[in-house]
Amino acid sequence: MLVLTRKSGEQILIGDDIVITVLDSRGDGVRIGIDAPRGVKIQRQEVLRAVEEANVAASAAAPDAEERIKALLAGRMLPPETDPPVTGPPAS
């Protein structure tokens, strides 16, 4: 790991097309700006970890979850032949 000390306004270059700029530092936090090509993914680690944990939790659904979802959907959806007519102004 490369460790650098930068002041507000100073930049770090990664390759030829990624620039990290230190925007501000307050207390124990630092605001940075990242300029990179659109094809480069930039993600916060804690958000990525939370999504992964949510996916794992969702995959461990209760054994009757599928039947409960079907029952909920059946109670809210009308059969195709009894759908109410569409009202309102015509689409433009």
PDB file of N, CA and C in Angstrom:
ATOM      1  N   MET A   1       0.847  -1.174   0.000  1.00  0.00           N
ATOM      2  CA  MET A   1       0.000   0.000   0.000  1.00  0.00           C
ATOM      3  C   MET A   1       0.894   1.240   0.000  1.00  0.00           C
ATOM      4  N   LEU A   2       0.579   2.150  -0.865  1.00  0.00           N
ATOM      5  CA  LEU A   2       1.286   3.425  -0.917  1.00  0.00           C
ATOM      6  C   LEU A   2       0.554   4.407  -0.010  1.00  0.00           C
ATOM      7  N   VAL A   3       1.258   5.051   0.880  1.00  0.00           N
ATOM      8  CA  VAL A   3       0.666   6.026   1.794  1.00  0.00           C
ATOM      9  C   VAL A   3       1.233   7.398   1.450  1.00  0.00           C
ATOM     10  N   LEU A   4       0.341   8.351   1.197  1.00  0.00           N
ATOM     11  CA  LEU A   4       0.761   9.710   0.810  1.00  0.00           C
ATOM     12  C   LEU A   4       0.119  10.733   1.736  1.00  0.00           C
ATOM     13  N   THR A   5       0.789  11.832   1.923  1.00  0.00           N
ATOM     14  CA  THR A   5       0.221  12.971   2.635  1.00  0.00           C
ATOM     15  C   THR A   5      -0.044  14.057   1.607  1.00  0.00           C
ATOM     16  N   ARG A   6      -1.268  14.548   1.573  1.00  0.00           N
ATOM     17  CA  ARG A   6      -1.658  15.586   0.624  1.00  0.00           C
ATOM     18  C   ARG A   6      -2.382  16.691   1.370  1.00  0.00           C
ATOM     19  N   LYS A   7      -2.297  17.888   0.837  1.00  0.00           N
ATOM     20  CA  LYS A   7      -3.019  19.030   1.389  1.00  0.00           C
ATOM     21  C   LYS A   7      -4.205  19.337   0.493  1.00  0.00           C
ATOM     22  N   SER A   8      -5.122  20.135   1.011  1.00  0.00           N
ATOM     23  CA  SER A   8      -6.297  20.524   0.239  1.00  0.00           C
ATOM     24  C   SER A   8      -5.870  21.148  -1.089  1.00  0.00           C
ATOM     25  N   GLY A   9      -6.481  20.686  -2.171  1.00  0.00           N
ATOM     26  CA  GLY A   9      -6.157  21.183  -3.502  1.00  0.00           C
ATOM     27  C   GLY A   9      -5.103  20.355  -4.221  1.00  0.00           C
ATOM     28  N   GLU A  10      -4.374  19.527  -3.504  1.00  0.00           N
ATOM     29  CA  GLU A  10      -3.345  18.700  -4.145  1.00  0.00           C
ATOM     30  C   GLU A  10      -3.979  17.454  -4.747  1.00  0.00           C
ATOM     31  N   GLN A  11      -3.283  16.889  -5.736  1.00  0.00           N
ATOM     32  CA  GLN A  11      -3.848  15.767  -6.480  1.00  0.00           C
ATOM     33  C   GLN A  11      -2.936  14.551  -6.469  1.00  0.00           C
ATOM     34  N   ILE A  12      -3.550  13.418  -6.762  1.00  0.00           N
ATOM     35  CA  ILE A  12      -2.845  12.155  -6.955  1.00  0.00           C
ATOM     36  C   ILE A  12      -3.265  11.642  -8.330  1.00  0.00           C
ATOM     37  N   LEU A  13      -2.312  11.230  -9.138  1.00  0.00           N
ATOM     38  CA  LEU A  13      -2.604  10.705 -10.467  1.00  0.00           C
ATOM     39  C   LEU A  13      -2.456   9.191 -10.453  1.00  0.00           C
ATOM     40  N   ILE A  14      -3.436   8.493 -11.025  1.00  0.00           N
ATOM     41  CA  ILE A  14      -3.377   7.040 -11.162  1.00  0.00           C
ATOM     42  C   ILE A  14      -3.450   6.739 -12.649  1.00  0.00           C
ATOM     43  N   GLY A  15      -2.376   6.210 -13.164  1.00  0.00           N
ATOM     44  CA  GLY A  15      -2.312   5.979 -14.604  1.00  0.00           C
ATOM     45  C   GLY A  15      -2.353   7.299 -15.350  1.00  0.00           C
ATOM     46  N   ASP A  16      -2.889   7.241 -16.573  1.00  0.00           N
ATOM     47  CA  ASP A  16      -2.959   8.448 -17.398  1.00  0.00           C
ATOM     48  C   ASP A  16      -4.299   9.157 -17.311  1.00  0.00           C
ATOM     49  N   ASP A  17      -5.319   8.510 -16.719  1.00  0.00           N
ATOM     50  CA  ASP A  17      -6.649   9.099 -16.833  1.00  0.00           C
ATOM     51  C   ASP A  17      -7.474   9.131 -15.548  1.00  0.00           C
ATOM     52  N   ILE A  18      -6.853   8.913 -14.397  1.00  0.00           N
ATOM     53  CA  ILE A  18      -7.576   9.012 -13.131  1.00  0.00           C
ATOM     54  C   ILE A  18      -6.866  10.025 -12.241  1.00  0.00           C
ATOM     55  N   VAL A  19      -7.621  11.016 -11.775  1.00  0.00           N
ATOM     56  CA  VAL A  19      -7.072  12.072 -10.918  1.00  0.00           C
ATOM     57  C   VAL A  19      -7.898  12.123  -9.638  1.00  0.00           C
ATOM     58  N   ILE A  20      -7.232  12.026  -8.501  1.00  0.00           N
ATOM     59  CA  ILE A  20      -7.876  12.165  -7.199  1.00  0.00           C
ATOM     60  C   ILE A  20      -7.424  13.489  -6.607  1.00  0.00           C
ATOM     61  N   THR A  21      -8.385  14.327  -6.256  1.00  0.00           N
ATOM     62  CA  THR A  21      -8.083  15.652  -5.703  1.00  0.00           C
ATOM     63  C   THR A  21      -8.576  15.724  -4.266  1.00  0.00           C
ATOM     64  N   VAL A  22      -7.726  16.175  -3.361  1.00  0.00           N
ATOM     65  CA  VAL A  22      -8.141  16.402  -1.983  1.00  0.00           C
ATOM     66  C   VAL A  22      -8.891  17.732  -1.966  1.00  0.00           C
ATOM     67  N   LEU A  23     -10.164  17.681  -1.628  1.00  0.00           N
ATOM     68  CA  LEU A  23     -10.992  18.885  -1.645  1.00  0.00           C
ATOM     69  C   LEU A  23     -10.995  19.612  -0.310  1.00  0.00           C
ATOM     70  N   ASP A  24     -11.044  18.826   0.778  1.00  0.00           N
ATOM     71  CA  ASP A  24     -11.157  19.441   2.093  1.00  0.00           C
ATOM     72  C   ASP A  24     -10.836  18.389   3.144  1.00  0.00           C
ATOM     73  N   SER A  25     -10.375  18.830   4.287  1.00  0.00           N
ATOM     74  CA  SER A  25     -10.201  17.912   5.422  1.00  0.00           C
ATOM     75  C   SER A  25     -10.727  18.598   6.665  1.00  0.00           C
ATOM     76  N   ARG A  26     -11.565  17.839   7.390  1.00  0.00           N
ATOM     77  CA  ARG A  26     -12.157  18.362   8.624  1.00  0.00           C
ATOM     78  C   ARG A  26     -12.081  17.286   9.683  1.00  0.00           C
ATOM     79  N   GLY A  27     -11.471  17.586  10.787  1.00  0.00           N
ATOM     80  CA  GLY A  27     -11.403  16.623  11.884  1.00  0.00           C
ATOM     81  C   GLY A  27     -10.818  15.300  11.419  1.00  0.00           C
ATOM     82  N   ASP A  28     -11.629  14.246  11.490  1.00  0.00           N
ATOM     83  CA  ASP A  28     -11.132  12.928  11.099  1.00  0.00           C
ATOM     84  C   ASP A  28     -11.604  12.508   9.709  1.00  0.00           C
ATOM     85  N   GLY A  29     -12.130  13.441   8.903  1.00  0.00           N
ATOM     86  CA  GLY A  29     -12.615  13.116   7.568  1.00  0.00           C
ATOM     87  C   GLY A  29     -11.916  13.911   6.487  1.00  0.00           C
ATOM     88  N   VAL A  30     -11.882  13.340   5.301  1.00  0.00           N
ATOM     89  CA  VAL A  30     -11.275  13.995   4.141  1.00  0.00           C
ATOM     90  C   VAL A  30     -12.270  13.914   2.989  1.00  0.00           C
ATOM     91  N   ARG A  31     -12.519  15.003   2.310  1.00  0.00           N
ATOM     92  CA  ARG A  31     -13.358  15.003   1.108  1.00  0.00           C
ATOM     93  C   ARG A  31     -12.435  14.928  -0.090  1.00  0.00           C
ATOM     94  N   ILE A  32     -12.725  13.966  -0.960  1.00  0.00           N
ATOM     95  CA  ILE A  32     -11.910  13.831  -2.161  1.00  0.00           C
ATOM     96  C   ILE A  32     -12.811  13.872  -3.384  1.00  0.00           C
ATOM     97  N   GLY A  33     -12.236  14.281  -4.496  1.00  0.00           N
ATOM     98  CA  GLY A  33     -12.913  14.241  -5.784  1.00  0.00           C
ATOM     99  C   GLY A  33     -12.158  13.282  -6.682  1.00  0.00           C
ATOM    100  N   ILE A  34     -12.895  12.499  -7.449  1.00  0.00           N
ATOM    101  CA  ILE A  34     -12.270  11.519  -8.335  1.00  0.00           C
ATOM    102  C   ILE A  34     -12.721  11.803  -9.754  1.00  0.00           C
ATOM    103  N   ASP A  35     -11.767  12.020 -10.625  1.00  0.00           N
ATOM    104  CA  ASP A  35     -12.046  12.227 -12.038  1.00  0.00           C
ATOM    105  C   ASP A  35     -11.509  11.015 -12.784  1.00  0.00           C
ATOM    106  N   ALA A  36     -12.440  10.236 -13.369  1.00  0.00           N
ATOM    107  CA  ALA A  36     -12.056   9.002 -14.049  1.00  0.00           C
ATOM    108  C   ALA A  36     -12.968   8.803 -15.262  1.00  0.00           C
ATOM    109  N   PRO A  37     -12.529   7.997 -16.214  1.00  0.00           N
ATOM    110  CA  PRO A  37     -13.382   7.698 -17.365  1.00  0.00           C
ATOM    111  C   PRO A  37     -14.681   7.023 -16.928  1.00  0.00           C
ATOM    112  N   ARG A  38     -15.742   7.175 -17.713  1.00  0.00           N
ATOM    113  CA  ARG A  38     -17.049   6.611 -17.371  1.00  0.00           C
ATOM    114  C   ARG A  38     -17.002   5.106 -17.154  1.00  0.00           C
ATOM    115  N   GLY A  39     -16.139   4.411 -17.846  1.00  0.00           N
ATOM    116  CA  GLY A  39     -16.072   2.961 -17.745  1.00  0.00           C
ATOM    117  C   GLY A  39     -15.427   2.447 -16.476  1.00  0.00           C
ATOM    118  N   VAL A  40     -14.850   3.317 -15.678  1.00  0.00           N
ATOM    119  CA  VAL A  40     -14.176   2.902 -14.441  1.00  0.00           C
ATOM    120  C   VAL A  40     -15.191   2.926 -13.299  1.00  0.00           C
ATOM    121  N   LYS A  41     -15.372   1.769 -12.639  1.00  0.00           N
ATOM    122  CA  LYS A  41     -16.283   1.702 -11.500  1.00  0.00           C
ATOM    123  C   LYS A  41     -15.619   2.318 -10.280  1.00  0.00           C
ATOM    124  N   ILE A  42     -16.363   3.176  -9.607  1.00  0.00           N
ATOM    125  CA  ILE A  42     -15.887   3.773  -8.352  1.00  0.00           C
ATOM    126  C   ILE A  42     -16.979   3.515  -7.328  1.00  0.00           C
ATOM    127  N   GLN A  43     -16.666   2.713  -6.321  1.00  0.00           N
ATOM    128  CA  GLN A  43     -17.655   2.340  -5.322  1.00  0.00           C
ATOM    129  C   GLN A  43     -17.076   2.488  -3.930  1.00  0.00           C
ATOM    130  N   ARG A  44     -17.946   2.868  -2.989  1.00  0.00           N
ATOM    131  CA  ARG A  44     -17.529   2.917  -1.595  1.00  0.00           C
ATOM    132  C   ARG A  44     -17.599   1.499  -1.032  1.00  0.00           C
ATOM    133  N   GLN A  45     -16.557   1.095  -0.337  1.00  0.00           N
ATOM    134  CA  GLN A  45     -16.474  -0.267   0.164  1.00  0.00           C
ATOM    135  C   GLN A  45     -17.631  -0.613   1.090  1.00  0.00           C
ATOM    136  N   GLU A  46     -18.029   0.313   1.968  1.00  0.00           N
ATOM    137  CA  GLU A  46     -19.088   0.001   2.925  1.00  0.00           C
ATOM    138  C   GLU A  46     -20.434  -0.206   2.232  1.00  0.00           C
ATOM    139  N   VAL A  47     -20.681   0.485   1.127  1.00  0.00           N
ATOM    140  CA  VAL A  47     -21.925   0.295   0.384  1.00  0.00           C
ATOM    141  C   VAL A  47     -21.907  -1.063  -0.312  1.00  0.00           C
ATOM    142  N   LEU A  48     -20.796  -1.396  -0.940  1.00  0.00           N
ATOM    143  CA  LEU A  48     -20.655  -2.680  -1.603  1.00  0.00           C
ATOM    144  C   LEU A  48     -20.829  -3.823  -0.605  1.00  0.00           C
ATOM    145  N   ARG A  49     -20.235  -3.701   0.571  1.00  0.00           N
ATOM    146  CA  ARG A  49     -20.358  -4.731   1.612  1.00  0.00           C
ATOM    147  C   ARG A  49     -21.811  -4.864   2.063  1.00  0.00           C
ATOM    148  N   ALA A  50     -22.519  -3.739   2.233  1.00  0.00           N
ATOM    149  CA  ALA A  50     -23.918  -3.787   2.664  1.00  0.00           C
ATOM    150  C   ALA A  50     -24.791  -4.480   1.619  1.00  0.00           C
ATOM    151  N   VAL A  51     -24.541  -4.231   0.342  1.00  0.00           N
ATOM    152  CA  VAL A  51     -25.300  -4.888  -0.721  1.00  0.00           C
ATOM    153  C   VAL A  51     -25.029  -6.391  -0.706  1.00  0.00           C
ATOM    154  N   GLU A  52     -23.780  -6.774  -0.546  1.00  0.00           N
ATOM    155  CA  GLU A  52     -23.438  -8.196  -0.488  1.00  0.00           C
ATOM    156  C   GLU A  52     -24.134  -8.874   0.692  1.00  0.00           C
ATOM    157  N   GLU A  53     -24.135  -8.230   1.849  1.00  0.00           N
ATOM    158  CA  GLU A  53     -24.789  -8.799   3.024  1.00  0.00           C
ATOM    159  C   GLU A  53     -26.297  -8.913   2.823  1.00  0.00           C
ATOM    160  N   ALA A  54     -26.901  -7.915   2.182  1.00  0.00           N
ATOM    161  CA  ALA A  54     -28.338  -7.961   1.904  1.00  0.00           C
ATOM    162  C   ALA A  54     -28.666  -9.099   0.936  1.00  0.00           C
ATOM    163  N   ASN A  55     -27.808  -9.318  -0.051  1.00  0.00           N
ATOM    164  CA  ASN A  55     -28.024 -10.412  -0.997  1.00  0.00           C
ATOM    165  C   ASN A  55     -27.941 -11.762  -0.306  1.00  0.00           C
ATOM    166  N   VAL A  56     -26.993 -11.917   0.602  1.00  0.00           N
ATOM    167  CA  VAL A  56     -26.858 -13.172   1.340  1.00  0.00           C
ATOM    168  C   VAL A  56     -28.103 -13.382   2.208  1.00  0.00           C
ATOM    169  N   ALA A  57     -28.558 -12.332   2.875  1.00  0.00           N
ATOM    170  CA  ALA A  57     -29.748 -12.449   3.722  1.00  0.00           C
ATOM    171  C   ALA A  57     -30.981 -12.793   2.890  1.00  0.00           C
ATOM    172  N   ALA A  58     -31.098 -12.213   1.708  1.00  0.00           N
ATOM    173  CA  ALA A  58     -32.254 -12.484   0.848  1.00  0.00           C
ATOM    174  C   ALA A  58     -32.242 -13.918   0.334  1.00  0.00           C
ATOM    175  N   SER A  59     -31.061 -14.465   0.121  1.00  0.00           N
ATOM    176  CA  SER A  59     -30.981 -15.837  -0.378  1.00  0.00           C
ATOM    177  C   SER A  59     -31.308 -16.855   0.706  1.00  0.00           C
ATOM    178  N   ALA A  60     -31.308 -16.430   1.946  1.00  0.00           N
ATOM    179  CA  ALA A  60     -31.626 -17.321   3.063  1.00  0.00           C
ATOM    180  C   ALA A  60     -33.061 -17.097   3.521  1.00  0.00           C
ATOM    181  N   ALA A  61     -33.984 -17.023   2.561  1.00  0.00           N
ATOM    182  CA  ALA A  61     -35.386 -16.749   2.878  1.00  0.00           C
ATOM    183  C   ALA A  61     -36.020 -17.939   3.590  1.00  0.00           C
ATOM    184  N   ALA A  62     -37.103 -17.674   4.276  1.00  0.00           N
ATOM    185  CA  ALA A  62     -37.838 -18.723   4.985  1.00  0.00           C
ATOM    186  C   ALA A  62     -38.360 -19.753   3.984  1.00  0.00           C
ATOM    187  N   PRO A  63     -38.517 -20.999   4.414  1.00  0.00           N
ATOM    188  CA  PRO A  63     -38.957 -22.058   3.497  1.00  0.00           C
ATOM    189  C   PRO A  63     -40.309 -21.771   2.843  1.00  0.00           C
ATOM    190  N   ASP A  64     -41.196 -21.061   3.528  1.00  0.00           N
ATOM    191  CA  ASP A  64     -42.519 -20.788   2.970  1.00  0.00           C
ATOM    192  C   ASP A  64     -42.605 -19.423   2.288  1.00  0.00           C
ATOM    193  N   ALA A  65     -41.484 -18.775   2.073  1.00  0.00           N
ATOM    194  CA  ALA A  65     -41.491 -17.417   1.521  1.00  0.00           C
ATOM    195  C   ALA A  65     -42.142 -17.363   0.143  1.00  0.00           C
ATOM    196  N   GLU A  66     -41.847 -18.339  -0.715  1.00  0.00           N
ATOM    197  CA  GLU A  66     -42.416 -18.324  -2.067  1.00  0.00           C
ATOM    198  C   GLU A  66     -43.939 -18.402  -2.016  1.00  0.00           C
ATOM    199  N   GLU A  67     -44.467 -19.278  -1.187  1.00  0.00           N
ATOM    200  CA  GLU A  67     -45.924 -19.405  -1.084  1.00  0.00           C
ATOM    201  C   GLU A  67     -46.560 -18.146  -0.495  1.00  0.00           C
ATOM    202  N   ARG A  68     -45.885 -17.522   0.471  1.00  0.00           N
ATOM    203  CA  ARG A  68     -46.409 -16.289   1.062  1.00  0.00           C
ATOM    204  C   ARG A  68     -46.441 -15.170   0.037  1.00  0.00           C
ATOM    205  N   ILE A  69     -45.415 -15.059  -0.796  1.00  0.00           N
ATOM    206  CA  ILE A  69     -45.379 -14.023  -1.838  1.00  0.00           C
ATOM    207  C   ILE A  69     -46.490 -14.270  -2.846  1.00  0.00           C
ATOM    208  N   LYS A  70     -46.660 -15.528  -3.268  1.00  0.00           N
ATOM    209  CA  LYS A  70     -47.727 -15.852  -4.220  1.00  0.00           C
ATOM    210  C   LYS A  70     -49.094 -15.480  -3.656  1.00  0.00           C
ATOM    211  N   ALA A  71     -49.307 -15.779  -2.377  1.00  0.00           N
ATOM    212  CA  ALA A  71     -50.588 -15.457  -1.747  1.00  0.00           C
ATOM    213  C   ALA A  71     -50.806 -13.955  -1.690  1.00  0.00           C
ATOM    214  N   LEU A  72     -49.761 -13.214  -1.368  1.00  0.00           N
ATOM    215  CA  LEU A  72     -49.893 -11.757  -1.331  1.00  0.00           C
ATOM    216  C   LEU A  72     -50.216 -11.195  -2.708  1.00  0.00           C
ATOM    217  N   LEU A  73     -49.517 -11.671  -3.721  1.00  0.00           N
ATOM    218  CA  LEU A  73     -49.757 -11.189  -5.077  1.00  0.00           C
ATOM    219  C   LEU A  73     -51.144 -11.579  -5.571  1.00  0.00           C
ATOM    220  N   ALA A  74     -51.603 -12.759  -5.250  1.00  0.00           N
ATOM    221  CA  ALA A  74     -52.918 -13.218  -5.680  1.00  0.00           C
ATOM    222  C   ALA A  74     -54.015 -12.342  -5.086  1.00  0.00           C
ATOM    223  N   GLY A  75     -53.821 -11.870  -3.884  1.00  0.00           N
ATOM    224  CA  GLY A  75     -54.833 -11.037  -3.247  1.00  0.00           C
ATOM    225  C   GLY A  75     -54.881  -9.625  -3.796  1.00  0.00           C
ATOM    226  N   ARG A  76     -53.848  -9.175  -4.446  1.00  0.00           N
ATOM    227  CA  ARG A  76     -53.790  -7.785  -4.925  1.00  0.00           C
ATOM    228  C   ARG A  76     -54.003  -7.648  -6.425  1.00  0.00           C
ATOM    229  N   MET A  77     -53.802  -8.733  -7.153  1.00  0.00           N
ATOM    230  CA  MET A  77     -53.884  -8.642  -8.604  1.00  0.00           C
ATOM    231  C   MET A  77     -55.244  -9.123  -9.081  1.00  0.00           C
ATOM    232  N   LEU A  78     -55.839  -8.396 -10.031  1.00  0.00           N
ATOM    233  CA  LEU A  78     -57.098  -8.810 -10.624  1.00  0.00           C
ATOM    234  C   LEU A  78     -56.816  -9.775 -11.759  1.00  0.00           C
ATOM    235  N   PRO A  79     -57.704 -10.734 -11.999  1.00  0.00           N
ATOM    236  CA  PRO A  79     -57.520 -11.598 -13.174  1.00  0.00           C
ATOM    237  C   PRO A  79     -57.550 -10.739 -14.439  1.00  0.00           C
ATOM    238  N   PRO A  80     -56.857 -11.143 -15.502  1.00  0.00           N
ATOM    239  CA  PRO A  80     -56.771 -10.321 -16.709  1.00  0.00           C
ATOM    240  C   PRO A  80     -58.115  -9.915 -17.274  1.00  0.00           C
ATOM    241  N   GLU A  81     -59.138 -10.798 -17.230  1.00  0.00           N
ATOM    242  CA  GLU A  81     -60.427 -10.454 -17.829  1.00  0.00           C
ATOM    243  C   GLU A  81     -61.220  -9.448 -17.015  1.00  0.00           C
ATOM    244  N   THR A  82     -60.833  -9.169 -15.760  1.00  0.00           N
ATOM    245  CA  THR A  82     -61.576  -8.221 -14.938  1.00  0.00           C
ATOM    246  C   THR A  82     -60.807  -6.936 -14.678  1.00  0.00           C
ATOM    247  N   ASP A  83     -59.742  -6.701 -15.440  1.00  0.00           N
ATOM    248  CA  ASP A  83     -59.011  -5.444 -15.266  1.00  0.00           C
ATOM    249  C   ASP A  83     -59.946  -4.283 -15.547  1.00  0.00           C
ATOM    250  N   PRO A  84     -59.912  -3.236 -14.713  1.00  0.00           N
ATOM    251  CA  PRO A  84     -60.775  -2.073 -14.963  1.00  0.00           C
ATOM    252  C   PRO A  84     -60.306  -1.334 -16.213  1.00  0.00           C
ATOM    253  N   PRO A  85     -61.240  -0.675 -16.902  1.00  0.00           N
ATOM    254  CA  PRO A  85     -60.854   0.070 -18.113  1.00  0.00           C
ATOM    255  C   PRO A  85     -59.922   1.224 -17.750  1.00  0.00           C
ATOM    256  N   VAL A  86     -59.051   1.550 -18.678  1.00  0.00           N
ATOM    257  CA  VAL A  86     -58.122   2.666 -18.484  1.00  0.00           C
ATOM    258  C   VAL A  86     -58.890   3.951 -18.705  1.00  0.00           C
ATOM    259  N   THR A  87     -58.795   4.889 -17.758  1.00  0.00           N
ATOM    260  CA  THR A  87     -59.462   6.177 -17.887  1.00  0.00           C
ATOM    261  C   THR A  87     -58.438   7.286 -17.857  1.00  0.00           C
ATOM    262  N   GLY A  88     -58.855   8.450 -18.253  1.00  0.00           N
ATOM    263  CA  GLY A  88     -57.949   9.601 -18.242  1.00  0.00           C
ATOM    264  C   GLY A  88     -57.731  10.099 -19.647  1.00  0.00           C
ATOM    265  N   PRO A  89     -56.951  11.160 -19.773  1.00  0.00           N
ATOM    266  CA  PRO A  89     -56.731  11.746 -21.097  1.00  0.00           C
ATOM    267  C   PRO A  89     -55.915  10.792 -21.969  1.00  0.00           C
ATOM    268  N   PRO A  90     -56.131  10.838 -23.286  1.00  0.00           N
ATOM    269  CA  PRO A  90     -55.353   9.971 -24.174  1.00  0.00           C
ATOM    270  C   PRO A  90     -53.883  10.353 -24.133  1.00  0.00           C
ATOM    271  N   ALA A  91     -53.040   9.357 -24.338  1.00  0.00           N
ATOM    272  CA  ALA A  91     -51.596   9.612 -24.353  1.00  0.00           C
ATOM    273  C   ALA A  91     -51.245  10.460 -25.551  1.00  0.00           C
ATOM    274  N   SER A  92     -50.331  11.401 -25.353  1.00  0.00           N
ATOM    275  CA  SER A  92     -49.964  12.253 -26.479  1.00  0.00           C
ATOM    276  C   SER A  92     -48.623  11.863 -27.022  1.00  0.00           C
TER     277      SER A  92
END
